[in-house]
N, C-alpha and C. Protein backbone atom coordinates (compact mmCIF):
# COMPACT_ATOMS: atom_id res chain seq x y z
N MET A 1 82.18 -64.84 1.55
CA MET A 1 82.57 -63.82 2.50
C MET A 1 81.71 -63.95 3.75
N GLU A 2 82.33 -64.16 4.87
CA GLU A 2 81.60 -64.32 6.12
C GLU A 2 81.33 -62.96 6.74
N ALA A 3 80.12 -62.80 7.23
CA ALA A 3 79.73 -61.53 7.85
C ALA A 3 80.30 -61.42 9.25
N LYS A 4 80.67 -60.22 9.62
CA LYS A 4 81.13 -59.95 10.97
C LYS A 4 80.00 -59.28 11.73
N PRO A 5 79.81 -59.64 13.00
CA PRO A 5 78.75 -58.97 13.77
C PRO A 5 79.01 -57.47 13.82
N THR A 6 77.96 -56.69 13.64
CA THR A 6 78.11 -55.24 13.70
C THR A 6 77.58 -54.67 15.00
N TRP A 7 76.82 -55.47 15.72
CA TRP A 7 76.28 -55.02 17.00
C TRP A 7 75.84 -56.26 17.77
N THR A 8 76.10 -56.29 19.04
CA THR A 8 75.71 -57.43 19.86
C THR A 8 74.87 -56.95 21.02
N SER A 9 73.74 -57.63 21.25
CA SER A 9 72.85 -57.33 22.35
C SER A 9 72.30 -58.63 22.90
N SER A 10 72.40 -58.82 24.16
CA SER A 10 71.87 -60.03 24.81
C SER A 10 72.44 -61.30 24.19
N GLY A 11 73.69 -61.25 23.75
CA GLY A 11 74.33 -62.45 23.21
C GLY A 11 73.92 -62.79 21.79
N ARG A 12 73.11 -61.95 21.14
CA ARG A 12 72.69 -62.21 19.76
C ARG A 12 73.42 -61.27 18.82
N ASN A 13 73.91 -61.82 17.73
CA ASN A 13 74.64 -61.01 16.77
C ASN A 13 73.75 -60.57 15.61
N LEU A 14 73.90 -59.32 15.25
CA LEU A 14 73.28 -58.81 14.04
C LEU A 14 74.38 -58.70 13.01
N SER A 15 74.07 -58.98 11.76
CA SER A 15 75.10 -58.97 10.73
C SER A 15 74.73 -58.05 9.58
N ASN A 16 75.75 -57.47 9.00
CA ASN A 16 75.62 -56.68 7.80
C ASN A 16 76.20 -57.54 6.69
N MET A 17 75.35 -58.04 5.77
CA MET A 17 75.81 -59.00 4.79
C MET A 17 75.33 -58.65 3.38
N CYS A 18 76.02 -59.19 2.41
CA CYS A 18 75.61 -59.08 1.01
C CYS A 18 74.52 -60.12 0.77
N LEU A 19 73.41 -59.71 0.16
CA LEU A 19 72.29 -60.62 -0.08
C LEU A 19 72.67 -61.82 -0.93
N SER A 20 73.60 -61.64 -1.85
CA SER A 20 73.94 -62.74 -2.76
C SER A 20 74.63 -63.89 -2.05
N THR A 21 75.22 -63.65 -0.88
CA THR A 21 75.91 -64.72 -0.17
C THR A 21 75.29 -65.03 1.19
N MET A 22 74.21 -64.36 1.53
CA MET A 22 73.59 -64.51 2.84
C MET A 22 72.85 -65.84 2.96
N PRO A 23 73.07 -66.58 4.05
CA PRO A 23 72.29 -67.79 4.28
C PRO A 23 70.88 -67.42 4.75
N ALA A 24 69.99 -68.40 4.81
CA ALA A 24 68.60 -68.16 5.22
C ALA A 24 68.53 -67.55 6.62
N ARG A 25 67.59 -66.64 6.79
CA ARG A 25 67.40 -65.93 8.05
C ARG A 25 65.93 -65.94 8.44
N SER A 26 65.66 -65.87 9.74
CA SER A 26 64.29 -65.78 10.23
C SER A 26 63.77 -64.35 10.15
N VAL A 27 64.69 -63.39 10.20
CA VAL A 27 64.32 -61.98 10.15
C VAL A 27 65.26 -61.27 9.18
N VAL A 28 64.69 -60.46 8.30
CA VAL A 28 65.47 -59.62 7.39
C VAL A 28 65.01 -58.19 7.63
N ILE A 29 65.96 -57.31 7.92
CA ILE A 29 65.65 -55.90 8.14
C ILE A 29 66.39 -55.08 7.10
N SER A 30 65.64 -54.29 6.37
CA SER A 30 66.21 -53.37 5.38
C SER A 30 65.87 -51.97 5.84
N ASN A 31 66.85 -51.28 6.39
CA ASN A 31 66.61 -49.96 6.96
C ASN A 31 67.19 -48.90 6.04
N SER A 32 66.30 -48.25 5.29
CA SER A 32 66.69 -47.13 4.44
C SER A 32 67.75 -47.51 3.41
N VAL A 33 67.47 -48.59 2.67
CA VAL A 33 68.39 -49.08 1.64
C VAL A 33 67.74 -49.07 0.27
N LEU A 34 66.45 -49.37 0.20
CA LEU A 34 65.77 -49.54 -1.08
C LEU A 34 65.77 -48.29 -1.94
N HIS A 35 65.86 -47.11 -1.34
CA HIS A 35 65.85 -45.87 -2.12
C HIS A 35 67.13 -45.71 -2.95
N LEU A 36 68.14 -46.53 -2.67
CA LEU A 36 69.39 -46.47 -3.42
C LEU A 36 69.28 -47.12 -4.79
N ALA A 37 68.18 -47.84 -5.03
CA ALA A 37 67.97 -48.47 -6.33
C ALA A 37 67.90 -47.40 -7.41
N GLY A 38 68.54 -47.66 -8.53
CA GLY A 38 68.52 -46.69 -9.63
C GLY A 38 67.20 -46.67 -10.37
N ASP A 39 66.56 -47.83 -10.44
CA ASP A 39 65.26 -47.94 -11.11
C ASP A 39 64.57 -49.21 -10.63
N ALA A 40 63.52 -49.61 -11.31
CA ALA A 40 62.70 -50.74 -10.86
C ALA A 40 63.48 -52.06 -10.80
N ALA A 41 64.40 -52.28 -11.73
CA ALA A 41 65.12 -53.57 -11.77
C ALA A 41 65.93 -53.83 -10.50
N PRO A 42 66.81 -52.92 -10.05
CA PRO A 42 67.54 -53.20 -8.81
C PRO A 42 66.64 -53.22 -7.58
N PHE A 43 65.58 -52.40 -7.59
CA PHE A 43 64.62 -52.38 -6.49
C PHE A 43 63.99 -53.77 -6.34
N GLU A 44 63.50 -54.30 -7.45
CA GLU A 44 62.89 -55.64 -7.44
C GLU A 44 63.91 -56.71 -7.12
N SER A 45 65.14 -56.54 -7.59
CA SER A 45 66.20 -57.50 -7.29
C SER A 45 66.47 -57.56 -5.78
N MET A 46 66.48 -56.40 -5.13
CA MET A 46 66.67 -56.38 -3.68
C MET A 46 65.53 -57.09 -2.97
N LEU A 47 64.29 -56.82 -3.40
CA LEU A 47 63.13 -57.48 -2.78
C LEU A 47 63.20 -59.00 -2.97
N LEU A 48 63.59 -59.43 -4.16
CA LEU A 48 63.70 -60.87 -4.41
C LEU A 48 64.84 -61.47 -3.59
N GLY A 49 65.90 -60.69 -3.36
CA GLY A 49 66.98 -61.15 -2.49
C GLY A 49 66.50 -61.34 -1.06
N PHE A 50 65.66 -60.41 -0.58
CA PHE A 50 65.08 -60.57 0.76
C PHE A 50 64.26 -61.85 0.81
N ARG A 51 63.47 -62.08 -0.23
CA ARG A 51 62.63 -63.28 -0.29
C ARG A 51 63.49 -64.54 -0.26
N ARG A 52 64.59 -64.52 -1.02
CA ARG A 52 65.44 -65.70 -1.11
C ARG A 52 66.00 -66.11 0.24
N VAL A 53 66.39 -65.12 1.05
CA VAL A 53 67.04 -65.45 2.32
C VAL A 53 66.07 -65.59 3.49
N LEU A 54 64.82 -65.19 3.30
CA LEU A 54 63.85 -65.25 4.39
C LEU A 54 63.30 -66.67 4.58
N LYS A 55 63.46 -67.19 5.78
CA LYS A 55 62.92 -68.51 6.08
C LYS A 55 61.40 -68.46 6.07
N ARG A 56 60.78 -69.59 5.76
CA ARG A 56 59.32 -69.69 5.77
C ARG A 56 58.80 -69.26 7.14
N GLY A 57 57.81 -68.38 7.12
CA GLY A 57 57.25 -67.87 8.37
C GLY A 57 58.06 -66.75 8.99
N GLY A 58 59.14 -66.33 8.31
CA GLY A 58 60.00 -65.29 8.85
C GLY A 58 59.42 -63.90 8.68
N LEU A 59 60.12 -62.91 9.20
CA LEU A 59 59.69 -61.52 9.18
C LEU A 59 60.63 -60.71 8.31
N CYS A 60 60.06 -59.96 7.37
CA CYS A 60 60.84 -59.04 6.54
C CYS A 60 60.33 -57.63 6.84
N PHE A 61 61.20 -56.79 7.36
CA PHE A 61 60.85 -55.41 7.67
C PHE A 61 61.64 -54.50 6.74
N CYS A 62 60.95 -53.66 6.00
CA CYS A 62 61.61 -52.71 5.10
C CYS A 62 61.19 -51.29 5.45
N ARG A 63 62.16 -50.47 5.76
CA ARG A 63 61.92 -49.04 5.94
C ARG A 63 62.45 -48.38 4.68
N LEU A 64 61.58 -47.68 3.97
CA LEU A 64 62.01 -47.11 2.71
C LEU A 64 61.49 -45.70 2.53
N GLY A 65 62.17 -44.97 1.67
CA GLY A 65 61.77 -43.61 1.37
C GLY A 65 60.56 -43.59 0.45
N SER A 66 59.73 -42.58 0.62
CA SER A 66 58.55 -42.47 -0.24
C SER A 66 58.23 -41.00 -0.50
N THR A 67 57.34 -40.81 -1.44
CA THR A 67 56.86 -39.47 -1.75
C THR A 67 55.67 -39.09 -0.88
N ILE A 68 55.14 -40.03 -0.13
CA ILE A 68 53.93 -39.81 0.66
C ILE A 68 54.16 -38.71 1.69
N GLY A 69 53.34 -37.67 1.60
CA GLY A 69 53.47 -36.52 2.48
C GLY A 69 54.54 -35.53 2.04
N ARG A 70 55.25 -35.87 0.98
CA ARG A 70 56.33 -35.01 0.49
C ARG A 70 56.15 -34.68 -0.99
N GLU A 71 54.97 -34.93 -1.50
CA GLU A 71 54.73 -34.74 -2.94
C GLU A 71 55.16 -33.38 -3.44
N SER A 72 54.93 -32.34 -2.65
CA SER A 72 55.29 -30.98 -3.09
C SER A 72 56.76 -30.66 -2.86
N GLN A 73 57.49 -31.53 -2.17
CA GLN A 73 58.89 -31.27 -1.84
C GLN A 73 59.88 -32.00 -2.75
N VAL A 74 59.38 -32.96 -3.53
CA VAL A 74 60.27 -33.72 -4.39
C VAL A 74 59.92 -33.45 -5.86
N GLU A 75 60.92 -33.57 -6.72
CA GLU A 75 60.74 -33.34 -8.15
C GLU A 75 60.95 -34.66 -8.88
N ARG A 76 59.94 -35.07 -9.63
CA ARG A 76 60.03 -36.32 -10.36
C ARG A 76 61.01 -36.16 -11.53
N ILE A 77 61.96 -37.09 -11.61
CA ILE A 77 62.96 -37.07 -12.68
C ILE A 77 62.53 -38.05 -13.78
N GLN A 78 62.23 -39.27 -13.36
CA GLN A 78 61.73 -40.30 -14.27
C GLN A 78 61.14 -41.43 -13.45
N GLU A 79 60.14 -42.08 -13.97
CA GLU A 79 59.44 -43.17 -13.29
C GLU A 79 59.37 -42.91 -11.79
N ARG A 80 60.04 -43.70 -10.97
CA ARG A 80 60.00 -43.56 -9.51
C ARG A 80 61.22 -42.82 -8.97
N ARG A 81 62.01 -42.22 -9.83
CA ARG A 81 63.20 -41.51 -9.41
C ARG A 81 62.86 -40.04 -9.15
N TYR A 82 63.27 -39.55 -7.98
CA TYR A 82 62.93 -38.18 -7.56
C TYR A 82 64.17 -37.45 -7.04
N LYS A 83 64.12 -36.14 -7.19
CA LYS A 83 65.16 -35.28 -6.62
C LYS A 83 64.59 -34.68 -5.34
N SER A 84 65.31 -34.84 -4.25
CA SER A 84 64.89 -34.32 -2.94
C SER A 84 65.37 -32.89 -2.76
N PRO A 85 64.81 -32.16 -1.78
CA PRO A 85 65.23 -30.77 -1.53
C PRO A 85 66.73 -30.63 -1.27
N ASP A 86 67.38 -31.67 -0.73
CA ASP A 86 68.82 -31.60 -0.46
C ASP A 86 69.65 -31.85 -1.71
N GLY A 87 68.98 -32.10 -2.86
CA GLY A 87 69.69 -32.30 -4.12
C GLY A 87 69.97 -33.76 -4.45
N SER A 88 69.74 -34.66 -3.50
CA SER A 88 69.99 -36.08 -3.74
C SER A 88 68.88 -36.67 -4.61
N GLU A 89 69.23 -37.70 -5.37
CA GLU A 89 68.27 -38.41 -6.20
C GLU A 89 68.01 -39.78 -5.58
N ARG A 90 66.72 -40.14 -5.49
CA ARG A 90 66.36 -41.39 -4.85
C ARG A 90 65.23 -42.08 -5.60
N TYR A 91 65.21 -43.39 -5.48
CA TYR A 91 64.09 -44.19 -5.98
C TYR A 91 63.08 -44.27 -4.84
N LEU A 92 61.89 -43.67 -5.03
CA LEU A 92 60.94 -43.57 -3.94
C LEU A 92 59.63 -44.28 -4.24
N ALA A 93 59.06 -44.87 -3.21
CA ALA A 93 57.74 -45.48 -3.32
C ALA A 93 56.71 -44.37 -3.24
N GLY A 94 55.45 -44.70 -3.59
CA GLY A 94 54.41 -43.70 -3.53
C GLY A 94 53.05 -44.30 -3.25
N ARG A 95 52.05 -43.46 -3.14
CA ARG A 95 50.68 -43.91 -2.85
C ARG A 95 50.14 -44.84 -3.92
N ASP A 96 50.65 -44.73 -5.14
CA ASP A 96 50.15 -45.55 -6.23
C ASP A 96 50.69 -46.98 -6.19
N GLN A 97 51.52 -47.29 -5.21
CA GLN A 97 52.07 -48.64 -5.08
C GLN A 97 51.57 -49.26 -3.79
N SER A 98 51.57 -50.58 -3.76
CA SER A 98 51.26 -51.29 -2.53
C SER A 98 52.34 -52.34 -2.31
N PRO A 99 52.49 -52.85 -1.10
CA PRO A 99 53.47 -53.90 -0.87
C PRO A 99 53.25 -55.10 -1.80
N ASN A 100 52.01 -55.35 -2.19
CA ASN A 100 51.76 -56.46 -3.11
C ASN A 100 52.33 -56.18 -4.49
N ASP A 101 52.39 -54.91 -4.90
CA ASP A 101 53.02 -54.58 -6.18
C ASP A 101 54.50 -54.93 -6.13
N TRP A 102 55.16 -54.62 -5.03
CA TRP A 102 56.59 -54.86 -4.91
C TRP A 102 56.90 -56.34 -4.77
N ALA A 103 55.99 -57.07 -4.18
CA ALA A 103 56.23 -58.49 -3.90
C ALA A 103 55.36 -59.38 -4.77
N ALA A 104 55.08 -58.95 -5.99
CA ALA A 104 54.16 -59.68 -6.86
C ALA A 104 54.59 -61.13 -7.08
N ASN A 105 55.87 -61.40 -7.03
CA ASN A 105 56.35 -62.76 -7.27
C ASN A 105 56.52 -63.57 -5.98
N TRP A 106 56.18 -62.98 -4.84
CA TRP A 106 56.30 -63.70 -3.59
C TRP A 106 55.15 -64.67 -3.45
N PRO A 107 55.34 -65.78 -2.75
CA PRO A 107 54.22 -66.70 -2.52
C PRO A 107 53.09 -65.99 -1.77
N THR A 108 51.88 -66.41 -1.99
CA THR A 108 50.70 -65.79 -1.39
C THR A 108 50.82 -65.67 0.12
N ARG A 109 51.43 -66.63 0.77
CA ARG A 109 51.52 -66.59 2.24
C ARG A 109 52.27 -65.38 2.75
N ASN A 110 53.08 -64.74 1.91
CA ASN A 110 53.87 -63.58 2.34
C ASN A 110 53.21 -62.26 2.00
N ARG A 111 52.10 -62.27 1.31
CA ARG A 111 51.48 -61.03 0.88
C ARG A 111 50.72 -60.36 2.01
N ILE A 112 50.73 -59.05 1.97
CA ILE A 112 49.98 -58.25 2.95
C ILE A 112 48.63 -57.97 2.35
N PRO A 113 47.55 -58.18 3.08
CA PRO A 113 46.21 -57.89 2.53
C PRO A 113 46.12 -56.42 2.11
N SER A 114 45.46 -56.16 1.00
CA SER A 114 45.29 -54.78 0.53
C SER A 114 44.47 -53.99 1.53
N GLN A 115 44.85 -52.75 1.72
CA GLN A 115 44.14 -51.86 2.65
C GLN A 115 43.14 -51.05 1.86
N PRO A 116 41.95 -50.82 2.39
CA PRO A 116 40.98 -49.97 1.69
C PRO A 116 41.51 -48.55 1.57
N SER A 117 41.22 -47.89 0.47
CA SER A 117 41.68 -46.51 0.26
C SER A 117 40.86 -45.52 1.03
């Protein structure tokens, strides 16, 4: 399935594509998608999909939902699954995780150095 451009700026096309059929890219942007994972398996599958399509030296940007700053506003259902004030259920990251936890299987060159607590 070939992707159709969803937005064009300065002659460059951005595409909305399925990770399983996406060719290699220099930049992968995941904007508010990871919270849709039902549990750790699909979450990790999405991250591994980003890794698969990201060219060496490329940029992967992920904007994701978290419990950080909202601990008192969300109700834990199970593991990383939370119920938000609007009633929706989401898979959320938290302070107890680091990008290295999510990308444990990524090559060392892609890891973000741990930040001091």
